[in-house]
Amino acid sequence: MFGKMGIEESGKRDTDNGGLFADQDAIELYADRIRDPELFPQERKAVERYFTDTNASVLDVGCGVGRVSHLLDERGFDTTGIDVSEPLVAKARSLFPGIDFRTADIRDPPFGAASFDYVVFSWFGLDYIRPESERIAALRQIKRLLKPSGVVVFSSHNQWHSFVPVPFDTIRRAIGDVVDLYLRKKNHRRILSRYKIESVPLGEVEIYLSNPIHQWGQLRECGLTPLDVVGKRDGLLRFLERQPHYVAKNSKANGQ
């Protein structure tokens, strides 16, 4: 129904997006991002508020070349990074040889239950998993990997931002998103789908559009307890930002 990208083939695990992040351009783009010596504002807030034990274990899902992994490692966390892109993982190992990086898919991770105190999935990584049933599978695996009361932090595209842009200096970006995700011909047949084709520096990639209400419901469906939506702002306007970070906990009852 939705063309050759096949977003309704619910029984298949898609790898097209993974291929996009496996070439030399992707390595160079991600390597450039590690020059920033700090976590992004939303990441920093979430980590400082909810990753309270700096001696704890953290799984960095979609680790790329290790931007988040090495910053968490510097804070004292026992950090492990996984990514489906073998070239990115190889680069991460060369840059940060003291960190455990592995080529692995969060839907089939090489770890036992209750292996980590915290999980982080940055830079919209969860939104590249398709179809939606596989996104749910990823969240359920994260729940399985978390220790009782363990915490997960991840970012997701916020469909509300395109129509009510906050902060207001992102109006131009919001207009661009409306044109790219709703008005361009490539997405005409996807108007009722949460999956859209987005133009990114590496080309075109299929993404999942969520919003705070929908995402909290999805977390509950997976047995995770929503705790917070973290944005650059701390007030209600954070729910309208383009890149909200969601925080959820694995309750003891659900962690069994």
Protein backbone atom coordinates (compact mmCIF):
# COMPACT_ATOMS: atom_id res chain seq x y z
CA MET A 1 0.00 0.00 0.00
CA PHE A 2 2.76 2.42 0.86
CA GLY A 3 5.16 1.66 -1.98
CA LYS A 4 8.48 -0.13 -2.20
CA MET A 5 9.66 0.93 1.27
CA GLY A 6 7.20 -1.65 2.57
CA ILE A 7 6.18 -0.13 5.90
CA GLU A 8 3.14 -2.39 6.27
CA GLU A 9 5.08 -5.64 5.91
CA SER A 10 4.62 -6.28 9.61
CA GLY A 11 6.36 -9.64 9.60
CA LYS A 12 9.64 -8.39 8.18
CA ARG A 13 12.51 -6.55 9.81
CA ASP A 14 13.61 -3.66 7.65
CA THR A 15 17.30 -3.02 7.05
CA ASP A 16 17.18 -0.24 4.42
CA ASN A 17 17.67 2.53 6.97
CA GLY A 18 20.57 0.64 8.53
CA GLY A 19 22.29 0.57 5.15
CA LEU A 20 22.03 4.33 4.90
CA PHE A 21 24.13 4.66 8.05
CA ALA A 22 26.83 2.23 6.98
CA ASP A 23 28.82 4.12 4.32
CA GLN A 24 31.78 6.48 4.60
CA ASP A 25 29.59 9.59 4.53
CA ALA A 26 27.76 8.32 7.62
CA ILE A 27 31.03 7.62 9.41
CA GLU A 28 32.29 11.14 8.68
CA LEU A 29 29.00 12.77 9.73
CA TYR A 30 28.84 10.92 13.03
CA ALA A 31 32.55 11.41 13.71
CA ASP A 32 32.06 15.15 13.26
CA ARG A 33 29.38 15.17 15.96
CA ILE A 34 31.71 13.80 18.64
CA ARG A 35 33.63 17.07 18.54
CA ASP A 36 30.92 18.49 20.80
CA PRO A 37 32.32 17.91 24.32
CA GLU A 38 28.88 17.83 25.96
CA LEU A 39 25.68 15.85 25.75
CA PHE A 40 22.88 17.61 23.90
CA PRO A 41 20.74 19.74 26.28
CA GLN A 42 17.86 17.27 26.50
CA GLU A 43 20.24 14.34 26.95
CA ARG A 44 22.17 16.15 29.66
CA LYS A 45 19.00 17.04 31.59
CA ALA A 46 17.66 13.49 31.38
CA VAL A 47 20.95 11.89 32.41
CA GLU A 48 21.55 14.25 35.32
CA ARG A 49 17.99 13.90 36.61
CA TYR A 50 17.42 10.17 36.16
CA PHE A 51 20.79 8.40 35.79
CA THR A 52 21.59 9.06 39.44
CA ASP A 53 24.11 6.27 40.09
CA THR A 54 27.25 7.11 38.10
CA ASN A 55 28.74 3.70 38.91
CA ALA A 56 25.83 1.95 37.22
CA SER A 57 25.73 0.11 33.88
CA VAL A 58 24.40 1.84 30.77
CA LEU A 59 23.52 0.43 27.36
CA ASP A 60 23.84 3.00 24.55
CA VAL A 61 21.58 1.73 21.75
CA GLY A 62 22.32 3.05 18.27
CA CYS A 63 25.69 4.21 19.56
CA GLY A 64 27.04 5.29 16.16
CA VAL A 65 30.71 6.17 16.58
CA GLY A 66 30.37 6.57 20.34
CA ARG A 67 29.29 10.19 20.89
CA VAL A 68 27.02 9.43 23.85
CA SER A 69 28.92 6.35 24.99
CA HIS A 70 32.20 8.14 25.61
CA LEU A 71 30.51 11.07 27.36
CA LEU A 72 28.74 8.65 29.71
CA ASP A 73 31.99 6.75 30.20
CA GLU A 74 33.69 10.00 31.22
CA ARG A 75 30.97 10.50 33.84
CA GLY A 76 31.90 7.14 35.38
CA PHE A 77 29.18 4.87 33.99
CA ASP A 78 30.01 1.29 32.99
CA THR A 79 29.05 1.82 29.35
CA THR A 80 28.29 -0.62 26.54
CA GLY A 81 27.37 0.55 23.03
CA ILE A 82 25.55 -1.34 20.28
CA ASP A 83 24.66 -0.41 16.71
CA VAL A 84 23.42 -2.31 13.65
CA SER A 85 26.05 -0.58 11.48
CA GLU A 86 29.30 -2.54 11.60
CA PRO A 87 31.35 0.33 10.05
CA LEU A 88 30.12 2.75 12.72
CA VAL A 89 30.94 0.28 15.47
CA ALA A 90 34.41 -0.26 14.01
CA LYS A 91 34.98 3.49 14.05
CA ALA A 92 33.72 3.73 17.64
CA ARG A 93 36.17 1.02 18.72
CA SER A 94 39.06 2.86 17.08
CA LEU A 95 38.10 6.16 18.72
CA PHE A 96 37.32 4.81 22.19
CA PRO A 97 39.10 1.45 22.66
CA GLY A 98 38.29 1.34 26.37
CA ILE A 99 34.54 1.03 25.80
CA ASP A 100 32.71 -2.19 24.91
CA PHE A 101 31.15 -1.64 21.45
CA ARG A 102 29.28 -4.40 19.65
CA THR A 103 27.46 -4.82 16.35
CA ALA A 104 23.98 -5.83 17.46
CA ASP A 105 20.27 -5.15 16.93
CA ILE A 106 18.22 -4.04 19.95
CA ARG A 107 15.45 -6.36 18.80
CA ASP A 108 17.77 -9.34 19.30
CA PRO A 109 20.40 -8.17 21.80
CA PRO A 110 23.24 -10.41 23.03
CA PHE A 111 22.50 -9.74 26.70
CA GLY A 112 20.50 -11.49 29.37
CA ALA A 113 17.49 -10.11 31.21
CA ALA A 114 18.08 -7.34 33.78
CA SER A 115 21.59 -6.63 32.47
CA PHE A 116 21.57 -2.83 32.71
CA ASP A 117 20.62 -0.12 35.16
CA TYR A 118 20.03 2.39 32.36
CA VAL A 119 19.42 2.41 28.62
CA VAL A 120 19.76 5.39 26.29
CA PHE A 121 18.62 5.49 22.63
CA SER A 122 19.60 8.89 21.22
CA TRP A 123 19.18 10.92 18.04
CA PHE A 124 15.83 9.49 16.90
CA GLY A 125 17.30 5.98 16.67
CA LEU A 126 14.06 4.29 17.71
CA ASP A 127 12.21 6.09 14.91
CA TYR A 128 14.23 4.31 12.22
CA ILE A 129 12.90 0.90 13.24
CA ARG A 130 9.99 -0.32 11.14
CA PRO A 131 7.29 -1.48 10.94
CA GLU A 132 5.59 -0.38 14.16
CA SER A 133 5.43 -3.93 15.47
CA GLU A 134 9.23 -4.01 15.41
CA ARG A 135 9.40 -0.66 17.21
CA ILE A 136 7.25 -2.25 19.92
CA ALA A 137 9.56 -5.28 19.92
CA ALA A 138 12.55 -2.98 20.50
CA LEU A 139 10.87 -1.28 23.46
CA ARG A 140 9.97 -4.64 24.96
CA GLN A 141 13.56 -5.80 24.63
CA ILE A 142 14.69 -2.62 26.37
CA LYS A 143 12.29 -3.42 29.20
CA ARG A 144 13.70 -6.95 29.39
CA LEU A 145 17.28 -5.66 29.54
CA LEU A 146 16.55 -3.16 32.31
CA LYS A 147 16.97 -4.11 35.92
CA PRO A 148 13.92 -3.60 38.16
CA SER A 149 13.37 0.16 38.44
CA GLY A 150 15.91 0.70 35.65
CA VAL A 151 15.43 3.77 33.45
CA VAL A 152 15.40 4.30 29.68
CA VAL A 153 15.85 7.65 27.89
CA PHE A 154 15.20 8.06 24.16
CA SER A 155 14.27 10.74 21.65
CA SER A 156 11.51 10.68 19.04
CA HIS A 157 10.21 12.95 16.30
CA ASN A 158 7.31 15.04 17.59
CA GLN A 159 4.59 15.50 14.97
CA TRP A 160 3.07 18.33 17.04
CA HIS A 161 6.10 20.55 16.42
CA SER A 162 5.39 20.81 12.68
CA PHE A 163 2.10 22.55 13.38
CA VAL A 164 2.84 24.35 16.67
CA PRO A 165 6.58 25.07 16.48
CA VAL A 166 8.32 25.61 19.81
CA PRO A 167 10.68 27.33 20.37
CA PHE A 168 9.45 30.00 17.99
CA ASP A 169 12.84 30.43 16.37
CA THR A 170 12.27 27.00 14.79
CA ILE A 171 9.29 28.15 12.69
CA ARG A 172 11.37 27.88 9.53
CA ARG A 173 12.36 24.31 10.44
CA ALA A 174 8.72 23.45 11.20
CA ILE A 175 7.57 24.78 7.84
CA GLY A 176 10.30 22.72 6.19
CA ASP A 177 9.04 19.61 8.02
CA VAL A 178 5.47 20.21 6.85
CA VAL A 179 6.64 20.52 3.25
CA ASP A 180 8.98 17.52 3.49
CA LEU A 181 6.77 15.15 5.47
CA TYR A 182 3.29 16.04 4.26
CA LEU A 183 3.32 18.01 1.01
CA ARG A 184 6.02 16.36 -1.10
CA LYS A 185 4.84 13.68 -3.50
CA LYS A 186 6.97 11.00 -1.83
CA ASN A 187 4.68 11.11 1.23
CA HIS A 188 1.28 11.55 -0.42
CA ARG A 189 0.41 7.88 -0.03
CA ARG A 190 1.57 7.94 3.60
CA ILE A 191 -0.74 10.69 4.79
CA LEU A 192 -2.48 8.40 7.30
CA SER A 193 0.67 6.54 8.31
CA ARG A 194 3.02 7.44 11.15
CA TYR A 195 5.90 6.53 8.86
CA LYS A 196 7.13 9.29 6.54
CA ILE A 197 10.14 9.71 4.28
CA GLU A 198 12.39 12.46 5.60
CA SER A 199 15.23 14.23 3.82
CA VAL A 200 18.41 14.06 5.92
CA PRO A 201 22.07 14.92 5.21
CA LEU A 202 22.76 11.32 4.15
CA GLY A 203 19.79 11.10 1.77
CA GLU A 204 16.22 10.00 2.46
CA VAL A 205 15.19 7.87 5.40
CA GLU A 206 11.90 6.51 6.67
CA ILE A 207 11.00 7.81 10.12
CA TYR A 208 8.26 7.33 12.69
CA LEU A 209 6.26 10.34 13.88
CA SER A 210 5.09 10.21 17.47
CA ASN A 211 3.81 12.72 20.01
CA PRO A 212 3.84 12.77 23.82
CA ILE A 213 0.37 11.27 24.27
CA HIS A 214 0.90 8.53 21.71
CA GLN A 215 4.39 7.71 22.97
CA TRP A 216 3.37 7.45 26.61
CA GLY A 217 0.61 5.05 25.59
CA GLN A 218 3.09 2.98 23.62
CA LEU A 219 5.44 2.82 26.61
CA ARG A 220 2.65 1.57 28.85
CA GLU A 221 1.74 -1.02 26.22
CA CYS A 222 5.31 -2.33 26.51
CA GLY A 223 5.19 -2.51 30.30
CA LEU A 224 7.26 0.62 30.92
CA THR A 225 6.13 3.39 33.24
CA PRO A 226 6.47 6.92 31.72
CA LEU A 227 8.25 9.36 34.02
CA ASP A 228 8.91 12.53 32.07
CA VAL A 229 9.18 14.36 28.75
CA VAL A 230 12.44 16.33 28.72
CA GLY A 231 12.97 19.29 26.40
CA LYS A 232 15.21 22.31 26.10
CA ARG A 233 12.50 24.09 28.10
CA ASP A 234 11.16 22.88 31.43
CA GLY A 235 7.57 24.14 31.17
CA LEU A 236 4.58 22.87 29.22
CA LEU A 237 6.08 24.11 25.96
CA ARG A 238 8.53 21.20 26.08
CA PHE A 239 5.69 18.97 24.83
CA LEU A 240 5.74 20.89 21.53
CA GLU A 241 9.49 20.78 20.89
CA ARG A 242 10.80 18.95 17.84
CA GLN A 243 13.04 16.51 19.72
CA PRO A 244 11.51 15.63 23.08
CA HIS A 245 13.33 13.02 25.13
CA TYR A 246 11.14 10.46 26.88
CA VAL A 247 12.03 8.94 30.23
CA ALA A 248 10.44 5.71 31.43
CA LYS A 249 11.05 3.19 34.21
CA ASN A 250 10.88 -0.57 34.41
CA SER A 251 8.79 -1.13 37.54
CA LYS A 252 9.59 -4.08 39.78
CA ALA A 253 6.31 -5.76 38.87
CA ASN A 254 7.02 -5.46 35.17
CA GLY A 255 10.63 -6.41 35.53
CA GLN A 256 9.93 -9.97 36.62
